[in-house]
Amino acid sequence: MRRFFFDPNTRLGDKVTLSEQESYHIAKVLRLQKDSQIELLDGLGEVFAAVVVDVGRNVTCRIVGQRETVETEKVPLWVGQGLLNGKKMDTTIQQCTELGVARLTPVVSSRCQGRPDEMQGRRKSDRWDRIVVSACKQCRRVQPMEIDEVIDFPAMLALTNQDADLLRLIFWEEEEEVRLDDVMSADQPVTGVCILLGPEGGFSRSEMATAKELGWQTVSLGSRILRAETATLTAVSLVQYLVGNL
């Protein structure tokens, strides 16, 4: 059954008004008609059975029931991603959504390409939000991945340093000794994990030194040199498996 997200603030009783984007998808792309049965997701983890009441610029639906949902993520995973060029960032956001990442923070580090001041000031784009929603529908995820505004590397370290119980890992190509399974064993349960991955140029040694001073652990993905977007896909998959989310 087709799924669509809605803002819970638009709900009045059993009536829901969808956004222009979702309404366009229903009316113009799928050409659904009045009384069509659909599912609605509130972005908070709840799924509702609904029928289309009115097809217009903003489609109106009526909720007729609530589906049983099961939360499968045992340990929330937060990804700090060095800002990638063009569609590489889009692909990374899509894949992280599909793999169940709870939160993604785009990070400007010293080796990011482009002007850091421009990238830093850019708010998360509507395009990234659309990619998340589309990926959620594809993989039947009921709660979208949260995307933060773009921040710089020191701000990322400060932000994550607020949670003392958070396991913080940086995947760094110059780390030759410590591997992921060395710091994530089954007998050491964690309540939350944050992983940080660099842009195309990787992280500098000075950035790694600062991170280590604040309690971050550098880890290796092995001897292969991976593209930035491939490294993120690999790291997320491995961490999600090790914490029991896959």
C-alpha atoms as a PDB file:
ATOM      1  CA  MET A   1       0.000   0.000   0.000  1.00  0.00           C
ATOM      2  CA  ARG A   2       1.228   3.493  -0.843  1.00  0.00           C
ATOM      3  CA  ARG A   3       2.709   5.470   2.054  1.00  0.00           C
ATOM      4  CA  PHE A   4       2.814   9.230   2.573  1.00  0.00           C
ATOM      5  CA  PHE A   5       4.201  11.432   5.329  1.00  0.00           C
ATOM      6  CA  PHE A   6       2.187  14.159   7.017  1.00  0.00           C
ATOM      7  CA  ASP A   7       2.821  16.860   9.596  1.00  0.00           C
ATOM      8  CA  PRO A   8       0.994  15.826  12.788  1.00  0.00           C
ATOM      9  CA  ASN A   9       0.205  19.510  13.358  1.00  0.00           C
ATOM     10  CA  THR A  10      -2.110  19.422  10.336  1.00  0.00           C
ATOM     11  CA  ARG A  11      -4.311  16.735  11.864  1.00  0.00           C
ATOM     12  CA  LEU A  12      -7.781  17.778  13.033  1.00  0.00           C
ATOM     13  CA  GLY A  13      -9.525  14.793  14.577  1.00  0.00           C
ATOM     14  CA  ASP A  14      -9.437  12.099  11.927  1.00  0.00           C
ATOM     15  CA  LYS A  15      -8.764  14.557   9.054  1.00  0.00           C
ATOM     16  CA  VAL A  16      -5.259  15.189   7.723  1.00  0.00           C
ATOM     17  CA  THR A  17      -4.100  17.713   5.128  1.00  0.00           C
ATOM     18  CA  LEU A  18      -0.992  16.678   3.198  1.00  0.00           C
ATOM     19  CA  SER A  19       1.821  18.927   1.994  1.00  0.00           C
ATOM     20  CA  GLU A  20       1.896  20.212  -1.578  1.00  0.00           C
ATOM     21  CA  GLN A  21       4.727  17.807  -2.368  1.00  0.00           C
ATOM     22  CA  GLU A  22       2.872  14.717  -1.137  1.00  0.00           C
ATOM     23  CA  SER A  23      -0.375  15.996  -2.668  1.00  0.00           C
ATOM     24  CA  TYR A  24       1.303  16.395  -6.055  1.00  0.00           C
ATOM     25  CA  HIS A  25       2.620  12.847  -5.832  1.00  0.00           C
ATOM     26  CA  ILE A  26      -0.855  11.515  -5.069  1.00  0.00           C
ATOM     27  CA  ALA A  27      -2.831  13.573  -7.581  1.00  0.00           C
ATOM     28  CA  LYS A  28      -0.447  14.092 -10.504  1.00  0.00           C
ATOM     29  CA  VAL A  29       2.074  11.248 -10.359  1.00  0.00           C
ATOM     30  CA  LEU A  30       0.038   8.324  -9.026  1.00  0.00           C
ATOM     31  CA  ARG A  31      -3.331   9.780 -10.054  1.00  0.00           C
ATOM     32  CA  LEU A  32      -5.089   8.350  -7.028  1.00  0.00           C
ATOM     33  CA  GLN A  33      -8.787   9.125  -6.742  1.00  0.00           C
ATOM     34  CA  LYS A  34     -11.177   9.867  -3.910  1.00  0.00           C
ATOM     35  CA  ASP A  35     -11.690   6.862  -1.572  1.00  0.00           C
ATOM     36  CA  SER A  36      -8.267   5.406  -2.466  1.00  0.00           C
ATOM     37  CA  GLN A  37      -6.774   3.537   0.492  1.00  0.00           C
ATOM     38  CA  ILE A  38      -3.338   4.655   1.641  1.00  0.00           C
ATOM     39  CA  GLU A  39      -1.095   4.655   4.715  1.00  0.00           C
ATOM     40  CA  LEU A  40      -0.007   7.808   6.512  1.00  0.00           C
ATOM     41  CA  LEU A  41       3.155   8.241   8.557  1.00  0.00           C
ATOM     42  CA  ASP A  42       3.487  11.053  11.092  1.00  0.00           C
ATOM     43  CA  GLY A  43       7.303  10.990  11.132  1.00  0.00           C
ATOM     44  CA  LEU A  44       7.253  10.088  14.834  1.00  0.00           C
ATOM     45  CA  GLY A  45       6.957   6.350  14.342  1.00  0.00           C
ATOM     46  CA  GLU A  46       3.182   5.931  13.955  1.00  0.00           C
ATOM     47  CA  VAL A  47       1.491   4.484  10.867  1.00  0.00           C
ATOM     48  CA  PHE A  48      -2.214   5.028  10.082  1.00  0.00           C
ATOM     49  CA  ALA A  49      -4.649   3.511   7.629  1.00  0.00           C
ATOM     50  CA  ALA A  50      -6.444   6.253   5.706  1.00  0.00           C
ATOM     51  CA  VAL A  51      -8.615   7.027   2.702  1.00  0.00           C
ATOM     52  CA  VAL A  52      -8.374   9.969   0.332  1.00  0.00           C
ATOM     53  CA  VAL A  53     -11.257  12.391   0.911  1.00  0.00           C
ATOM     54  CA  ASP A  54     -10.433  15.211  -1.477  1.00  0.00           C
ATOM     55  CA  VAL A  55      -7.898  15.445  -4.320  1.00  0.00           C
ATOM     56  CA  GLY A  56      -6.711  18.995  -4.855  1.00  0.00           C
ATOM     57  CA  ARG A  57      -3.677  21.236  -4.417  1.00  0.00           C
ATOM     58  CA  ASN A  58      -3.510  19.889  -0.871  1.00  0.00           C
ATOM     59  CA  VAL A  59      -4.961  16.403  -0.607  1.00  0.00           C
ATOM     60  CA  THR A  60      -7.214  15.723   2.399  1.00  0.00           C
ATOM     61  CA  CYS A  61      -7.375  12.278   3.969  1.00  0.00           C
ATOM     62  CA  ARG A  62      -9.400  10.605   6.704  1.00  0.00           C
ATOM     63  CA  ILE A  63      -7.703   8.297   9.205  1.00  0.00           C
ATOM     64  CA  VAL A  64      -9.630   5.054   9.642  1.00  0.00           C
ATOM     65  CA  GLY A  65      -7.247   3.043  11.799  1.00  0.00           C
ATOM     66  CA  GLN A  66      -3.768   2.673  13.206  1.00  0.00           C
ATOM     67  CA  ARG A  67      -1.218   0.091  12.151  1.00  0.00           C
ATOM     68  CA  GLU A  68       0.936  -1.783  14.619  1.00  0.00           C
ATOM     69  CA  THR A  69       4.544  -0.666  14.307  1.00  0.00           C
ATOM     70  CA  VAL A  70       7.738  -2.290  15.543  1.00  0.00           C
ATOM     71  CA  GLU A  71      10.846  -0.265  16.333  1.00  0.00           C
ATOM     72  CA  THR A  72      13.800  -2.278  15.084  1.00  0.00           C
ATOM     73  CA  GLU A  73      16.735   0.016  15.918  1.00  0.00           C
ATOM     74  CA  LYS A  74      18.307  -1.142  19.186  1.00  0.00           C
ATOM     75  CA  VAL A  75      21.111   1.435  19.342  1.00  0.00           C
ATOM     76  CA  PRO A  76      20.760   4.840  17.666  1.00  0.00           C
ATOM     77  CA  LEU A  77      23.527   5.599  15.174  1.00  0.00           C
ATOM     78  CA  TRP A  78      24.607   9.182  14.537  1.00  0.00           C
ATOM     79  CA  VAL A  79      26.772   9.880  11.479  1.00  0.00           C
ATOM     80  CA  GLY A  80      28.970  12.943  11.132  1.00  0.00           C
ATOM     81  CA  GLN A  81      29.743  13.172   7.420  1.00  0.00           C
ATOM     82  CA  GLY A  82      32.450  15.362   5.937  1.00  0.00           C
ATOM     83  CA  LEU A  83      30.669  17.334   3.239  1.00  0.00           C
ATOM     84  CA  LEU A  84      30.938  15.569  -0.128  1.00  0.00           C
ATOM     85  CA  ASN A  85      30.677  17.055  -3.590  1.00  0.00           C
ATOM     86  CA  GLY A  86      27.432  17.060  -5.541  1.00  0.00           C
ATOM     87  CA  LYS A  87      25.506  13.843  -5.864  1.00  0.00           C
ATOM     88  CA  LYS A  88      27.913  11.955  -3.595  1.00  0.00           C
ATOM     89  CA  MET A  89      26.284  13.653  -0.612  1.00  0.00           C
ATOM     90  CA  ASP A  90      22.828  12.849  -1.981  1.00  0.00           C
ATOM     91  CA  THR A  91      23.766   9.181  -2.347  1.00  0.00           C
ATOM     92  CA  THR A  92      25.214   9.055   1.153  1.00  0.00           C
ATOM     93  CA  ILE A  93      22.056  10.561   2.663  1.00  0.00           C
ATOM     94  CA  GLN A  94      19.899   8.054   0.798  1.00  0.00           C
ATOM     95  CA  GLN A  95      21.974   5.069   1.880  1.00  0.00           C
ATOM     96  CA  CYS A  96      22.201   6.191   5.501  1.00  0.00           C
ATOM     97  CA  THR A  97      18.413   6.541   5.585  1.00  0.00           C
ATOM     98  CA  GLU A  98      17.927   3.072   4.142  1.00  0.00           C
ATOM     99  CA  LEU A  99      20.383   1.596   6.652  1.00  0.00           C
ATOM    100  CA  GLY A 100      18.539   3.029   9.638  1.00  0.00           C
ATOM    101  CA  VAL A 101      20.846   5.878  10.699  1.00  0.00           C
ATOM    102  CA  ALA A 102      19.021   8.001  13.278  1.00  0.00           C
ATOM    103  CA  ARG A 103      20.828  11.295  12.679  1.00  0.00           C
ATOM    104  CA  LEU A 104      23.245  12.733  10.141  1.00  0.00           C
ATOM    105  CA  THR A 105      25.294  15.901  10.573  1.00  0.00           C
ATOM    106  CA  PRO A 106      27.063  17.365   7.502  1.00  0.00           C
ATOM    107  CA  VAL A 107      30.502  18.601   8.595  1.00  0.00           C
ATOM    108  CA  VAL A 108      32.889  21.084   6.989  1.00  0.00           C
ATOM    109  CA  SER A 109      36.488  20.044   7.702  1.00  0.00           C
ATOM    110  CA  SER A 110      39.798  21.473   6.519  1.00  0.00           C
ATOM    111  CA  ARG A 111      39.985  19.329   3.376  1.00  0.00           C
ATOM    112  CA  CYS A 112      36.437  19.847   2.143  1.00  0.00           C
ATOM    113  CA  GLN A 113      36.366  21.203  -1.382  1.00  0.00           C
ATOM    114  CA  GLY A 114      34.763  24.606  -1.899  1.00  0.00           C
ATOM    115  CA  ARG A 115      34.589  27.652   0.351  1.00  0.00           C
ATOM    116  CA  PRO A 116      34.004  26.572   3.972  1.00  0.00           C
ATOM    117  CA  ASP A 117      32.243  29.813   4.907  1.00  0.00           C
ATOM    118  CA  GLU A 118      29.626  29.302   2.205  1.00  0.00           C
ATOM    119  CA  MET A 119      29.093  25.641   3.065  1.00  0.00           C
ATOM    120  CA  GLN A 120      28.946  26.355   6.776  1.00  0.00           C
ATOM    121  CA  GLY A 121      26.187  28.905   6.409  1.00  0.00           C
ATOM    122  CA  ARG A 122      24.032  26.697   4.209  1.00  0.00           C
ATOM    123  CA  ARG A 123      21.026  25.214   5.897  1.00  0.00           C
ATOM    124  CA  LYS A 124      20.033  21.657   5.108  1.00  0.00           C
ATOM    125  CA  SER A 125      18.424  21.765   1.725  1.00  0.00           C
ATOM    126  CA  ASP A 126      14.895  20.787   0.767  1.00  0.00           C
ATOM    127  CA  ARG A 127      16.531  18.350  -1.624  1.00  0.00           C
ATOM    128  CA  TRP A 128      18.061  16.382   1.237  1.00  0.00           C
ATOM    129  CA  ASP A 129      14.682  16.274   2.995  1.00  0.00           C
ATOM    130  CA  ARG A 130      13.057  14.914  -0.160  1.00  0.00           C
ATOM    131  CA  ILE A 131      15.764  12.258  -0.484  1.00  0.00           C
ATOM    132  CA  VAL A 132      15.141  11.136   3.098  1.00  0.00           C
ATOM    133  CA  VAL A 133      11.381  10.914   2.597  1.00  0.00           C
ATOM    134  CA  SER A 134      11.772   9.004  -0.668  1.00  0.00           C
ATOM    135  CA  ALA A 135      14.237   6.564   0.913  1.00  0.00           C
ATOM    136  CA  CYS A 136      11.890   6.004   3.875  1.00  0.00           C
ATOM    137  CA  LYS A 137       9.085   5.059   1.509  1.00  0.00           C
ATOM    138  CA  GLN A 138      11.381   2.747  -0.436  1.00  0.00           C
ATOM    139  CA  CYS A 139      12.588   0.816   2.622  1.00  0.00           C
ATOM    140  CA  ARG A 140       9.321   1.181   4.605  1.00  0.00           C
ATOM    141  CA  ARG A 141      10.986   3.146   7.371  1.00  0.00           C
ATOM    142  CA  VAL A 142       8.431   4.876   9.602  1.00  0.00           C
ATOM    143  CA  GLN A 143      10.621   7.555  11.189  1.00  0.00           C
ATOM    144  CA  PRO A 144      12.805   9.735   8.921  1.00  0.00           C
ATOM    145  CA  MET A 145      16.478  10.249   9.562  1.00  0.00           C
ATOM    146  CA  GLU A 146      17.180  13.626  11.140  1.00  0.00           C
ATOM    147  CA  ILE A 147      19.522  15.888   9.153  1.00  0.00           C
ATOM    148  CA  ASP A 148      21.246  18.735  10.964  1.00  0.00           C
ATOM    149  CA  GLU A 149      22.443  22.006   9.544  1.00  0.00           C
ATOM    150  CA  VAL A 150      25.966  22.069   8.152  1.00  0.00           C
ATOM    151  CA  ILE A 151      28.518  22.757  10.905  1.00  0.00           C
ATOM    152  CA  ASP A 152      32.299  22.913  11.083  1.00  0.00           C
ATOM    153  CA  PHE A 153      34.607  20.261  12.542  1.00  0.00           C
ATOM    154  CA  PRO A 154      35.178  21.895  15.972  1.00  0.00           C
ATOM    155  CA  ALA A 155      31.425  22.398  16.384  1.00  0.00           C
ATOM    156  CA  MET A 156      30.836  18.703  15.626  1.00  0.00           C
ATOM    157  CA  LEU A 157      33.326  17.674  18.301  1.00  0.00           C
ATOM    158  CA  ALA A 158      31.740  20.038  20.820  1.00  0.00           C
ATOM    159  CA  LEU A 159      28.231  18.848  19.976  1.00  0.00           C
ATOM    160  CA  THR A 160      28.997  15.173  20.500  1.00  0.00           C
ATOM    161  CA  ASN A 161      31.098  15.852  23.600  1.00  0.00           C
ATOM    162  CA  GLN A 162      27.885  16.704  25.475  1.00  0.00           C
ATOM    163  CA  ASP A 163      26.971  13.004  25.792  1.00  0.00           C
ATOM    164  CA  ALA A 164      29.448  11.147  27.988  1.00  0.00           C
ATOM    165  CA  ASP A 165      27.871   7.741  27.242  1.00  0.00           C
ATOM    166  CA  LEU A 166      28.181   8.093  23.465  1.00  0.00           C
ATOM    167  CA  LEU A 167      30.710   5.808  21.766  1.00  0.00           C
ATOM    168  CA  ARG A 168      32.580   8.109  19.380  1.00  0.00           C
ATOM    169  CA  LEU A 169      34.560   6.641  16.487  1.00  0.00           C
ATOM    170  CA  ILE A 170      36.431   8.270  13.597  1.00  0.00           C
ATOM    171  CA  PHE A 171      37.212   6.211  10.523  1.00  0.00           C
ATOM    172  CA  TRP A 172      40.635   7.433   9.414  1.00  0.00           C
ATOM    173  CA  GLU A 173      42.765   6.072   6.588  1.00  0.00           C
ATOM    174  CA  GLU A 174      46.002   6.665   8.544  1.00  0.00           C
ATOM    175  CA  GLU A 175      44.923   4.483  11.465  1.00  0.00           C
ATOM    176  CA  GLU A 176      46.823   1.209  10.990  1.00  0.00           C
ATOM    177  CA  GLU A 177      46.340  -0.686  14.235  1.00  0.00           C
ATOM    178  CA  VAL A 178      42.844  -0.274  15.703  1.00  0.00           C
ATOM    179  CA  ARG A 179      40.010  -1.971  13.842  1.00  0.00           C
ATOM    180  CA  LEU A 180      36.295  -1.715  14.448  1.00  0.00           C
ATOM    181  CA  ASP A 181      35.967  -5.077  16.184  1.00  0.00           C
ATOM    182  CA  ASP A 182      38.696  -4.035  18.612  1.00  0.00           C
ATOM    183  CA  VAL A 183      36.457  -1.342  20.110  1.00  0.00           C
ATOM    184  CA  MET A 184      33.014  -2.872  19.567  1.00  0.00           C
ATOM    185  CA  SER A 185      32.743  -6.245  21.251  1.00  0.00           C
ATOM    186  CA  ALA A 186      29.571  -8.087  22.198  1.00  0.00           C
ATOM    187  CA  ASP A 187      30.366  -7.945  25.923  1.00  0.00           C
ATOM    188  CA  GLN A 188      30.549  -4.143  25.910  1.00  0.00           C
ATOM    189  CA  PRO A 189      27.010  -2.923  25.163  1.00  0.00           C
ATOM    190  CA  VAL A 190      26.562   0.718  24.173  1.00  0.00           C
ATOM    191  CA  THR A 191      23.505   2.968  24.273  1.00  0.00           C
ATOM    192  CA  GLY A 192      24.494   5.162  21.341  1.00  0.00           C
ATOM    193  CA  VAL A 193      27.194   5.409  18.666  1.00  0.00           C
ATOM    194  CA  CYS A 194      28.494   8.373  16.696  1.00  0.00           C
ATOM    195  CA  ILE A 195      30.820   7.782  13.759  1.00  0.00           C
ATOM    196  CA  LEU A 196      32.678  10.498  11.898  1.00  0.00           C
ATOM    197  CA  LEU A 197      33.846  10.131   8.309  1.00  0.00           C
ATOM    198  CA  GLY A 198      35.820  12.554   6.209  1.00  0.00           C
ATOM    199  CA  PRO A 199      35.277  14.213   2.845  1.00  0.00           C
ATOM    200  CA  GLU A 200      37.108  13.200  -0.351  1.00  0.00           C
ATOM    201  CA  GLY A 201      40.424  14.476   1.065  1.00  0.00           C
ATOM    202  CA  GLY A 202      40.010  12.812   4.448  1.00  0.00           C
ATOM    203  CA  PHE A 203      40.830  14.370   7.816  1.00  0.00           C
ATOM    204  CA  SER A 204      44.092  16.126   8.675  1.00  0.00           C
ATOM    205  CA  ARG A 205      46.426  14.935  11.429  1.00  0.00           C
ATOM    206  CA  SER A 206      45.780  18.081  13.432  1.00  0.00           C
ATOM    207  CA  GLU A 207      42.029  17.424  13.334  1.00  0.00           C
ATOM    208  CA  MET A 208      42.609  13.858  14.511  1.00  0.00           C
ATOM    209  CA  ALA A 209      44.849  15.038  17.323  1.00  0.00           C
ATOM    210  CA  THR A 210      42.161  17.414  18.543  1.00  0.00           C
ATOM    211  CA  ALA A 211      39.504  14.706  18.342  1.00  0.00           C
ATOM    212  CA  LYS A 212      41.621  12.206  20.288  1.00  0.00           C
ATOM    213  CA  GLU A 213      42.155  14.743  23.049  1.00  0.00           C
ATOM    214  CA  LEU A 214      38.371  14.898  23.420  1.00  0.00           C
ATOM    215  CA  GLY A 215      37.975  11.135  23.690  1.00  0.00           C
ATOM    216  CA  TRP A 216      37.379  10.076  20.084  1.00  0.00           C
ATOM    217  CA  GLN A 217      38.792   6.729  18.961  1.00  0.00           C
ATOM    218  CA  THR A 218      40.277   6.427  15.472  1.00  0.00           C
ATOM    219  CA  VAL A 219      39.568   3.132  13.697  1.00  0.00           C
ATOM    220  CA  SER A 220      40.555   1.556  10.409  1.00  0.00           C
ATOM    221  CA  LEU A 221      38.444   0.028   7.656  1.00  0.00           C
ATOM    222  CA  GLY A 222      41.373  -2.101   6.521  1.00  0.00           C
ATOM    223  CA  SER A 223      44.109  -1.761   3.932  1.00  0.00           C
ATOM    224  CA  ARG A 224      41.921  -0.781   0.975  1.00  0.00           C
ATOM    225  CA  ILE A 225      41.611   2.887   0.048  1.00  0.00           C
ATOM    226  CA  LEU A 226      37.890   3.505  -0.453  1.00  0.00           C
ATOM    227  CA  ARG A 227      36.052   6.392  -2.014  1.00  0.00           C
ATOM    228  CA  ALA A 228      34.522   8.659   0.602  1.00  0.00           C
ATOM    229  CA  GLU A 229      30.960   7.591  -0.134  1.00  0.00           C
ATOM    230  CA  THR A 230      31.955   3.896  -0.205  1.00  0.00           C
ATOM    231  CA  ALA A 231      33.719   4.253   3.139  1.00  0.00           C
ATOM    232  CA  THR A 232      30.573   5.695   4.713  1.00  0.00           C
ATOM    233  CA  LEU A 233      28.379   2.923   3.316  1.00  0.00           C
ATOM    234  CA  THR A 234      30.823   0.297   4.589  1.00  0.00           C
ATOM    235  CA  ALA A 235      31.254   1.851   8.035  1.00  0.00           C
ATOM    236  CA  VAL A 236      27.526   2.358   8.605  1.00  0.00           C
ATOM    237  CA  SER A 237      26.735  -1.197   7.540  1.00  0.00           C
ATOM    238  CA  LEU A 238      29.379  -2.679   9.838  1.00  0.00           C
ATOM    239  CA  VAL A 239      28.384  -0.602  12.861  1.00  0.00           C
ATOM    240  CA  GLN A 240      24.675  -1.299  12.370  1.00  0.00           C
ATOM    241  CA  TYR A 241      25.402  -5.000  12.203  1.00  0.00           C
ATOM    242  CA  LEU A 242      27.619  -5.009  15.293  1.00  0.00           C
ATOM    243  CA  VAL A 243      25.059  -3.126  17.439  1.00  0.00           C
ATOM    244  CA  GLY A 244      22.222  -5.410  16.295  1.00  0.00           C
ATOM    245  CA  ASN A 245      20.386  -2.998  13.977  1.00  0.00           C
ATOM    246  CA  LEU A 246      20.861  -5.208  10.908  1.00  0.00           C
END
